[in-house]
């Protein structure tokens, strides 16, 4: 998971300024520029 995060997910999050929230065996990507 750490390898795939560093290799694939993190560059995408950095490029788009998105958050990755993980907990309770679930995850979500959040666009902070969305409504609310």
ModelCIF file with pLDDT and N, C-alpha, C, O atoms, coordinates in Angstrom:
data_MODEL
#
_entry.id   MODEL 
#
_entity.id                         1 
_entity.type                       polymer 
_entity.pdbx_number_of_molecules   1 
#
_entity_poly.entity_id                      1 
_entity_poly.type                           'polypeptide(L)' 
_entity_poly.nstd_linkage                   no 
_entity_poly.nstd_monomer                   no 
_entity_poly.pdbx_seq_one_letter_code       
;(UNK)(UNK)(UNK)(UNK)(UNK)(UNK)(UNK)(UNK)(UNK)(UNK)(UNK)(UNK)(UNK)(UNK)(UNK)(UNK)
(UNK)(UNK)(UNK)(UNK)(UNK)(UNK)(UNK)(UNK)(UNK)(UNK)(UNK)(UNK)(UNK)(UNK)(UNK)(UNK)
(UNK)(UNK)(UNK)(UNK)
;
_entity_poly.pdbx_seq_one_letter_code_can   XXXXXXXXXXXXXXXXXXXXXXXXXXXXXXXXXXXX 
_entity_poly.pdbx_strand_id                 A 
#
loop_
_entity_poly_seq.entity_id 
_entity_poly_seq.num 
_entity_poly_seq.mon_id 
_entity_poly_seq.hetero 
1 1  UNK n 
1 2  UNK n 
1 3  UNK n 
1 4  UNK n 
1 5  UNK n 
1 6  UNK n 
1 7  UNK n 
1 8  UNK n 
1 9  UNK n 
1 10 UNK n 
1 11 UNK n 
1 12 UNK n 
1 13 UNK n 
1 14 UNK n 
1 15 UNK n 
1 16 UNK n 
1 17 UNK n 
1 18 UNK n 
1 19 UNK n 
1 20 UNK n 
1 21 UNK n 
1 22 UNK n 
1 23 UNK n 
1 24 UNK n 
1 25 UNK n 
1 26 UNK n 
1 27 UNK n 
1 28 UNK n 
1 29 UNK n 
1 30 UNK n 
1 31 UNK n 
1 32 UNK n 
1 33 UNK n 
1 34 UNK n 
1 35 UNK n 
1 36 UNK n 
#
_struct_asym.id          A 
_struct_asym.entity_id   1 
#
loop_
_ma_qa_metric.id 
_ma_qa_metric.mode 
_ma_qa_metric.name 
_ma_qa_metric.software_group_id 
_ma_qa_metric.type 
1 global pLDDT . pLDDT 
2 local  pLDDT . pLDDT 
#
_ma_qa_metric_global.metric_id      1 
_ma_qa_metric_global.metric_value   89.81 
_ma_qa_metric_global.model_id       1 
_ma_qa_metric_global.ordinal_id     1 
#
loop_
_ma_qa_metric_local.label_asym_id 
_ma_qa_metric_local.label_comp_id 
_ma_qa_metric_local.label_seq_id 
_ma_qa_metric_local.metric_id 
_ma_qa_metric_local.metric_value 
_ma_qa_metric_local.model_id 
_ma_qa_metric_local.ordinal_id 
A UNK 1  2 96.00 1 1  
A UNK 2  2 97.00 1 2  
A UNK 3  2 98.00 1 3  
A UNK 4  2 98.00 1 4  
A UNK 5  2 97.00 1 5  
A UNK 6  2 97.00 1 6  
A UNK 7  2 98.00 1 7  
A UNK 8  2 98.00 1 8  
A UNK 9  2 97.00 1 9  
A UNK 10 2 96.00 1 10 
A UNK 11 2 96.00 1 11 
A UNK 12 2 96.00 1 12 
A UNK 13 2 94.00 1 13 
A UNK 14 2 93.00 1 14 
A UNK 15 2 92.00 1 15 
A UNK 16 2 90.00 1 16 
A UNK 17 2 87.00 1 17 
A UNK 18 2 91.00 1 18 
A UNK 19 2 92.00 1 19 
A UNK 20 2 94.00 1 20 
A UNK 21 2 93.00 1 21 
A UNK 22 2 93.00 1 22 
A UNK 23 2 89.00 1 23 
A UNK 24 2 87.00 1 24 
A UNK 25 2 86.00 1 25 
A UNK 26 2 90.00 1 26 
A UNK 27 2 93.00 1 27 
A UNK 28 2 93.00 1 28 
A UNK 29 2 93.00 1 29 
A UNK 30 2 90.00 1 30 
A UNK 31 2 86.00 1 31 
A UNK 32 2 83.00 1 32 
A UNK 33 2 76.00 1 33 
A UNK 34 2 65.00 1 34 
A UNK 35 2 63.00 1 35 
A UNK 36 2 56.00 1 36 
#
loop_
_atom_site.group_PDB 
_atom_site.id 
_atom_site.type_symbol 
_atom_site.label_atom_id 
_atom_site.label_alt_id 
_atom_site.label_comp_id 
_atom_site.label_asym_id 
_atom_site.label_entity_id 
_atom_site.label_seq_id 
_atom_site.pdbx_PDB_ins_code 
_atom_site.Cartn_x 
_atom_site.Cartn_y 
_atom_site.Cartn_z 
_atom_site.occupancy 
_atom_site.B_iso_or_equiv 
_atom_site.pdbx_formal_charge 
_atom_site.auth_seq_id 
_atom_site.auth_comp_id 
_atom_site.auth_asym_id 
_atom_site.auth_atom_id 
_atom_site.pdbx_PDB_model_num 
ATOM 1   N N  . UNK A 1 1  ? 0.837   -1.205 0.000  1.00 96.00 ? 1  UNK A N  1 
ATOM 2   C CA . UNK A 1 1  ? 0.000   0.000  0.000  1.00 96.00 ? 1  UNK A CA 1 
ATOM 3   C C  . UNK A 1 1  ? 0.871   1.254  0.000  1.00 96.00 ? 1  UNK A C  1 
ATOM 4   O O  . UNK A 1 1  ? 0.582   2.211  -0.719 1.00 96.00 ? 1  UNK A O  1 
ATOM 5   N N  . UNK A 1 2  ? 1.923   1.254  0.792  1.00 97.00 ? 2  UNK A N  1 
ATOM 6   C CA . UNK A 1 2  ? 2.828   2.397  0.848  1.00 97.00 ? 2  UNK A CA 1 
ATOM 7   C C  . UNK A 1 2  ? 3.523   2.614  -0.498 1.00 97.00 ? 2  UNK A C  1 
ATOM 8   O O  . UNK A 1 2  ? 3.663   3.749  -0.954 1.00 97.00 ? 2  UNK A O  1 
ATOM 9   N N  . UNK A 1 3  ? 3.951   1.533  -1.123 1.00 98.00 ? 3  UNK A N  1 
ATOM 10  C CA . UNK A 1 3  ? 4.614   1.634  -2.428 1.00 98.00 ? 3  UNK A CA 1 
ATOM 11  C C  . UNK A 1 3  ? 3.672   2.205  -3.475 1.00 98.00 ? 3  UNK A C  1 
ATOM 12  O O  . UNK A 1 3  ? 4.052   3.100  -4.230 1.00 98.00 ? 3  UNK A O  1 
ATOM 13  N N  . UNK A 1 4  ? 2.446   1.696  -3.527 1.00 98.00 ? 4  UNK A N  1 
ATOM 14  C CA . UNK A 1 4  ? 1.485   2.175  -4.519 1.00 98.00 ? 4  UNK A CA 1 
ATOM 15  C C  . UNK A 1 4  ? 1.058   3.614  -4.233 1.00 98.00 ? 4  UNK A C  1 
ATOM 16  O O  . UNK A 1 4  ? 0.796   4.384  -5.157 1.00 98.00 ? 4  UNK A O  1 
ATOM 17  N N  . UNK A 1 5  ? 0.990   3.972  -2.958 1.00 97.00 ? 5  UNK A N  1 
ATOM 18  C CA . UNK A 1 5  ? 0.681   5.353  -2.614 1.00 97.00 ? 5  UNK A CA 1 
ATOM 19  C C  . UNK A 1 5  ? 1.771   6.280  -3.151 1.00 97.00 ? 5  UNK A C  1 
ATOM 20  O O  . UNK A 1 5  ? 1.480   7.256  -3.842 1.00 97.00 ? 5  UNK A O  1 
ATOM 21  N N  . UNK A 1 6  ? 3.026   5.967  -2.827 1.00 97.00 ? 6  UNK A N  1 
ATOM 22  C CA . UNK A 1 6  ? 4.145   6.818  -3.258 1.00 97.00 ? 6  UNK A CA 1 
ATOM 23  C C  . UNK A 1 6  ? 4.273   6.878  -4.771 1.00 97.00 ? 6  UNK A C  1 
ATOM 24  O O  . UNK A 1 6  ? 4.583   7.931  -5.329 1.00 97.00 ? 6  UNK A O  1 
ATOM 25  N N  . UNK A 1 7  ? 4.039   5.766  -5.430 1.00 98.00 ? 7  UNK A N  1 
ATOM 26  C CA . UNK A 1 7  ? 4.258   5.652  -6.870 1.00 98.00 ? 7  UNK A CA 1 
ATOM 27  C C  . UNK A 1 7  ? 3.109   6.226  -7.700 1.00 98.00 ? 7  UNK A C  1 
ATOM 28  O O  . UNK A 1 7  ? 3.349   6.817  -8.753 1.00 98.00 ? 7  UNK A O  1 
ATOM 29  N N  . UNK A 1 8  ? 1.871   6.062  -7.243 1.00 98.00 ? 8  UNK A N  1 
ATOM 30  C CA . UNK A 1 8  ? 0.720   6.389  -8.074 1.00 98.00 ? 8  UNK A CA 1 
ATOM 31  C C  . UNK A 1 8  ? -0.220  7.417  -7.435 1.00 98.00 ? 8  UNK A C  1 
ATOM 32  O O  . UNK A 1 8  ? -0.574  8.411  -8.068 1.00 98.00 ? 8  UNK A O  1 
ATOM 33  N N  . UNK A 1 9  ? -0.618  7.182  -6.199 1.00 97.00 ? 9  UNK A N  1 
ATOM 34  C CA . UNK A 1 9  ? -1.671  8.001  -5.585 1.00 97.00 ? 9  UNK A CA 1 
ATOM 35  C C  . UNK A 1 9  ? -1.167  9.387  -5.183 1.00 97.00 ? 9  UNK A C  1 
ATOM 36  O O  . UNK A 1 9  ? -1.822  10.384 -5.486 1.00 97.00 ? 9  UNK A O  1 
ATOM 37  N N  . UNK A 1 10 ? -0.031  9.471  -4.516 1.00 96.00 ? 10 UNK A N  1 
ATOM 38  C CA . UNK A 1 10 ? 0.484   10.760 -4.041 1.00 96.00 ? 10 UNK A CA 1 
ATOM 39  C C  . UNK A 1 10 ? 0.709   11.753 -5.177 1.00 96.00 ? 10 UNK A C  1 
ATOM 40  O O  . UNK A 1 10 ? 0.297   12.906 -5.048 1.00 96.00 ? 10 UNK A O  1 
ATOM 41  N N  . UNK A 1 11 ? 1.340   11.362 -6.281 1.00 96.00 ? 11 UNK A N  1 
ATOM 42  C CA . UNK A 1 11 ? 1.504   12.336 -7.363 1.00 96.00 ? 11 UNK A CA 1 
ATOM 43  C C  . UNK A 1 11 ? 0.166   12.890 -7.878 1.00 96.00 ? 11 UNK A C  1 
ATOM 44  O O  . UNK A 1 11 ? 0.068   14.069 -8.219 1.00 96.00 ? 11 UNK A O  1 
ATOM 45  N N  . UNK A 1 12 ? -0.853  12.038 -7.930 1.00 96.00 ? 12 UNK A N  1 
ATOM 46  C CA . UNK A 1 12 ? -2.175  12.486 -8.356 1.00 96.00 ? 12 UNK A CA 1 
ATOM 47  C C  . UNK A 1 12 ? -2.764  13.476 -7.351 1.00 96.00 ? 12 UNK A C  1 
ATOM 48  O O  . UNK A 1 12 ? -3.313  14.506 -7.742 1.00 96.00 ? 12 UNK A O  1 
ATOM 49  N N  . UNK A 1 13 ? -2.651  13.165 -6.064 1.00 94.00 ? 13 UNK A N  1 
ATOM 50  C CA . UNK A 1 13 ? -3.174  14.067 -5.031 1.00 94.00 ? 13 UNK A CA 1 
ATOM 51  C C  . UNK A 1 13 ? -2.448  15.407 -5.066 1.00 94.00 ? 13 UNK A C  1 
ATOM 52  O O  . UNK A 1 13 ? -3.081  16.460 -4.988 1.00 94.00 ? 13 UNK A O  1 
ATOM 53  N N  . UNK A 1 14 ? -1.121  15.371 -5.183 1.00 93.00 ? 14 UNK A N  1 
ATOM 54  C CA . UNK A 1 14 ? -0.337  16.609 -5.235 1.00 93.00 ? 14 UNK A CA 1 
ATOM 55  C C  . UNK A 1 14 ? -0.710  17.457 -6.448 1.00 93.00 ? 14 UNK A C  1 
ATOM 56  O O  . UNK A 1 14 ? -0.858  18.675 -6.341 1.00 93.00 ? 14 UNK A O  1 
ATOM 57  N N  . UNK A 1 15 ? -0.859  16.817 -7.581 1.00 92.00 ? 15 UNK A N  1 
ATOM 58  C CA . UNK A 1 15 ? -1.182  17.533 -8.823 1.00 92.00 ? 15 UNK A CA 1 
ATOM 59  C C  . UNK A 1 15 ? -2.529  18.245 -8.718 1.00 92.00 ? 15 UNK A C  1 
ATOM 60  O O  . UNK A 1 15 ? -2.697  19.346 -9.243 1.00 92.00 ? 15 UNK A O  1 
ATOM 61  N N  . UNK A 1 16 ? -3.485  17.615 -8.042 1.00 90.00 ? 16 UNK A N  1 
ATOM 62  C CA . UNK A 1 16 ? -4.842  18.156 -7.973 1.00 90.00 ? 16 UNK A CA 1 
ATOM 63  C C  . UNK A 1 16 ? -5.180  18.830 -6.646 1.00 90.00 ? 16 UNK A C  1 
ATOM 64  O O  . UNK A 1 16 ? -6.290  19.337 -6.477 1.00 90.00 ? 16 UNK A O  1 
ATOM 65  N N  . UNK A 1 17 ? -4.235  18.842 -5.700 1.00 87.00 ? 17 UNK A N  1 
ATOM 66  C CA . UNK A 1 17 ? -4.475  19.390 -4.360 1.00 87.00 ? 17 UNK A CA 1 
ATOM 67  C C  . UNK A 1 17 ? -5.678  18.732 -3.688 1.00 87.00 ? 17 UNK A C  1 
ATOM 68  O O  . UNK A 1 17 ? -6.509  19.416 -3.091 1.00 87.00 ? 17 UNK A O  1 
ATOM 69  N N  . UNK A 1 18 ? -5.771  17.404 -3.784 1.00 91.00 ? 18 UNK A N  1 
ATOM 70  C CA . UNK A 1 18 ? -6.848  16.645 -3.157 1.00 91.00 ? 18 UNK A CA 1 
ATOM 71  C C  . UNK A 1 18 ? -6.337  16.016 -1.864 1.00 91.00 ? 18 UNK A C  1 
ATOM 72  O O  . UNK A 1 18 ? -5.142  15.766 -1.712 1.00 91.00 ? 18 UNK A O  1 
ATOM 73  N N  . UNK A 1 19 ? -7.249  15.768 -0.945 1.00 92.00 ? 19 UNK A N  1 
ATOM 74  C CA . UNK A 1 19 ? -6.962  15.046 0.294  1.00 92.00 ? 19 UNK A CA 1 
ATOM 75  C C  . UNK A 1 19 ? -7.268  13.560 0.100  1.00 92.00 ? 19 UNK A C  1 
ATOM 76  O O  . UNK A 1 19 ? -8.149  13.205 -0.682 1.00 92.00 ? 19 UNK A O  1 
ATOM 77  N N  . UNK A 1 20 ? -6.546  12.698 0.807  1.00 94.00 ? 20 UNK A N  1 
ATOM 78  C CA . UNK A 1 20 ? -6.920  11.292 0.946  1.00 94.00 ? 20 UNK A CA 1 
ATOM 79  C C  . UNK A 1 20 ? -7.211  11.080 2.423  1.00 94.00 ? 20 UNK A C  1 
ATOM 80  O O  . UNK A 1 20 ? -6.331  11.252 3.266  1.00 94.00 ? 20 UNK A O  1 
ATOM 81  N N  . UNK A 1 21 ? -8.442  10.709 2.733  1.00 93.00 ? 21 UNK A N  1 
ATOM 82  C CA . UNK A 1 21 ? -8.837  10.428 4.107  1.00 93.00 ? 21 UNK A CA 1 
ATOM 83  C C  . UNK A 1 21 ? -9.068  8.926  4.250  1.00 93.00 ? 21 UNK A C  1 
ATOM 84  O O  . UNK A 1 21 ? -9.822  8.335  3.478  1.00 93.00 ? 21 UNK A O  1 
ATOM 85  N N  . UNK A 1 22 ? -8.417  8.310  5.240  1.00 93.00 ? 22 UNK A N  1 
ATOM 86  C CA . UNK A 1 22 ? -8.490  6.862  5.440  1.00 93.00 ? 22 UNK A CA 1 
ATOM 87  C C  . UNK A 1 22 ? -8.871  6.587  6.892  1.00 93.00 ? 22 UNK A C  1 
ATOM 88  O O  . UNK A 1 22 ? -8.359  7.227  7.810  1.00 93.00 ? 22 UNK A O  1 
ATOM 89  N N  . UNK A 1 23 ? -9.777  5.627  7.088  1.00 89.00 ? 23 UNK A N  1 
ATOM 90  C CA . UNK A 1 23 ? -10.134 5.210  8.442  1.00 89.00 ? 23 UNK A CA 1 
ATOM 91  C C  . UNK A 1 23 ? -11.288 4.237  8.432  1.00 89.00 ? 23 UNK A C  1 
ATOM 92  O O  . UNK A 1 23 ? -12.120 4.251  7.526  1.00 89.00 ? 23 UNK A O  1 
ATOM 93  N N  . UNK A 1 24 ? -11.334 3.392  9.442  1.00 87.00 ? 24 UNK A N  1 
ATOM 94  C CA . UNK A 1 24 ? -12.412 2.406  9.601  1.00 87.00 ? 24 UNK A CA 1 
ATOM 95  C C  . UNK A 1 24 ? -12.612 1.550  8.344  1.00 87.00 ? 24 UNK A C  1 
ATOM 96  O O  . UNK A 1 24 ? -13.741 1.299  7.923  1.00 87.00 ? 24 UNK A O  1 
ATOM 97  N N  . UNK A 1 25 ? -11.524 1.118  7.771  1.00 86.00 ? 25 UNK A N  1 
ATOM 98  C CA . UNK A 1 25 ? -11.533 0.274  6.574  1.00 86.00 ? 25 UNK A CA 1 
ATOM 99  C C  . UNK A 1 25 ? -12.299 0.900  5.420  1.00 86.00 ? 25 UNK A C  1 
ATOM 100 O O  . UNK A 1 25 ? -13.035 0.221  4.703  1.00 86.00 ? 25 UNK A O  1 
ATOM 101 N N  . UNK A 1 26 ? -12.116 2.201  5.253  1.00 90.00 ? 26 UNK A N  1 
ATOM 102 C CA . UNK A 1 26 ? -12.661 2.904  4.108  1.00 90.00 ? 26 UNK A CA 1 
ATOM 103 C C  . UNK A 1 26 ? -11.715 4.049  3.752  1.00 90.00 ? 26 UNK A C  1 
ATOM 104 O O  . UNK A 1 26 ? -10.871 4.430  4.563  1.00 90.00 ? 26 UNK A O  1 
ATOM 105 N N  . UNK A 1 27 ? -11.846 4.581  2.582  1.00 93.00 ? 27 UNK A N  1 
ATOM 106 C CA . UNK A 1 27 ? -11.041 5.723  2.147  1.00 93.00 ? 27 UNK A CA 1 
ATOM 107 C C  . UNK A 1 27 ? -11.910 6.605  1.254  1.00 93.00 ? 27 UNK A C  1 
ATOM 108 O O  . UNK A 1 27 ? -12.899 6.151  0.679  1.00 93.00 ? 27 UNK A O  1 
ATOM 109 N N  . UNK A 1 28 ? -11.524 7.858  1.152  1.00 93.00 ? 28 UNK A N  1 
ATOM 110 C CA . UNK A 1 28 ? -12.174 8.780  0.233  1.00 93.00 ? 28 UNK A CA 1 
ATOM 111 C C  . UNK A 1 28 ? -11.175 9.843  -0.183 1.00 93.00 ? 28 UNK A C  1 
ATOM 112 O O  . UNK A 1 28 ? -10.308 10.239 0.596  1.00 93.00 ? 28 UNK A O  1 
ATOM 113 N N  . UNK A 1 29 ? -11.306 10.296 -1.408 1.00 93.00 ? 29 UNK A N  1 
ATOM 114 C CA . UNK A 1 29 ? -10.521 11.425 -1.898 1.00 93.00 ? 29 UNK A CA 1 
ATOM 115 C C  . UNK A 1 29 ? -11.459 12.620 -1.886 1.00 93.00 ? 29 UNK A C  1 
ATOM 116 O O  . UNK A 1 29 ? -12.590 12.546 -2.366 1.00 93.00 ? 29 UNK A O  1 
ATOM 117 N N  . UNK A 1 30 ? -10.967 13.733 -1.324 1.00 90.00 ? 30 UNK A N  1 
ATOM 118 C CA . UNK A 1 30 ? -11.794 14.932 -1.189 1.00 90.00 ? 30 UNK A CA 1 
ATOM 119 C C  . UNK A 1 30 ? -11.177 16.062 -1.999 1.00 90.00 ? 30 UNK A C  1 
ATOM 120 O O  . UNK A 1 30 ? -9.977  16.330 -1.924 1.00 90.00 ? 30 UNK A O  1 
ATOM 121 N N  . UNK A 1 31 ? -12.031 16.715 -2.774 1.00 86.00 ? 31 UNK A N  1 
ATOM 122 C CA . UNK A 1 31 ? -11.656 17.930 -3.490 1.00 86.00 ? 31 UNK A CA 1 
ATOM 123 C C  . UNK A 1 31 ? -12.031 19.096 -2.580 1.00 86.00 ? 31 UNK A C  1 
ATOM 124 O O  . UNK A 1 31 ? -13.216 19.401 -2.445 1.00 86.00 ? 31 UNK A O  1 
ATOM 125 N N  . UNK A 1 32 ? -11.057 19.756 -1.953 1.00 83.00 ? 32 UNK A N  1 
ATOM 126 C CA . UNK A 1 32 ? -11.382 20.808 -0.991 1.00 83.00 ? 32 UNK A CA 1 
ATOM 127 C C  . UNK A 1 32 ? -11.999 22.044 -1.637 1.00 83.00 ? 32 UNK A C  1 
ATOM 128 O O  . UNK A 1 32 ? -12.510 22.917 -0.935 1.00 83.00 ? 32 UNK A O  1 
ATOM 129 N N  . UNK A 1 33 ? -11.958 22.126 -2.943 1.00 76.00 ? 33 UNK A N  1 
ATOM 130 C CA . UNK A 1 33 ? -12.528 23.278 -3.631 1.00 76.00 ? 33 UNK A CA 1 
ATOM 131 C C  . UNK A 1 33 ? -13.988 23.050 -4.019 1.00 76.00 ? 33 UNK A C  1 
ATOM 132 O O  . UNK A 1 33 ? -14.597 23.897 -4.673 1.00 76.00 ? 33 UNK A O  1 
ATOM 133 N N  . UNK A 1 34 ? -14.547 21.911 -3.618 1.00 65.00 ? 34 UNK A N  1 
ATOM 134 C CA . UNK A 1 34 ? -15.954 21.637 -3.908 1.00 65.00 ? 34 UNK A CA 1 
ATOM 135 C C  . UNK A 1 34 ? -16.870 22.482 -3.041 1.00 65.00 ? 34 UNK A C  1 
ATOM 136 O O  . UNK A 1 34 ? -16.399 23.271 -2.220 1.00 65.00 ? 34 UNK A O  1 
ATOM 137 N N  . UNK A 1 35 ? -18.159 22.325 -3.216 1.00 63.00 ? 35 UNK A N  1 
ATOM 138 C CA . UNK A 1 35 ? -19.133 23.091 -2.430 1.00 63.00 ? 35 UNK A CA 1 
ATOM 139 C C  . UNK A 1 35 ? -18.995 22.746 -0.956 1.00 63.00 ? 35 UNK A C  1 
ATOM 140 O O  . UNK A 1 35 ? -18.682 21.610 -0.599 1.00 63.00 ? 35 UNK A O  1 
ATOM 141 N N  . UNK A 1 36 ? -19.231 23.733 -0.108 1.00 56.00 ? 36 UNK A N  1 
ATOM 142 C CA . UNK A 1 36 ? -19.076 23.514 1.324  1.00 56.00 ? 36 UNK A CA 1 
ATOM 143 C C  . UNK A 1 36 ? -17.617 23.247 1.651  1.00 56.00 ? 36 UNK A C  1 
ATOM 144 O O  . UNK A 1 36 ? -17.274 23.035 2.814  1.00 56.00 ? 36 UNK A O  1 
#
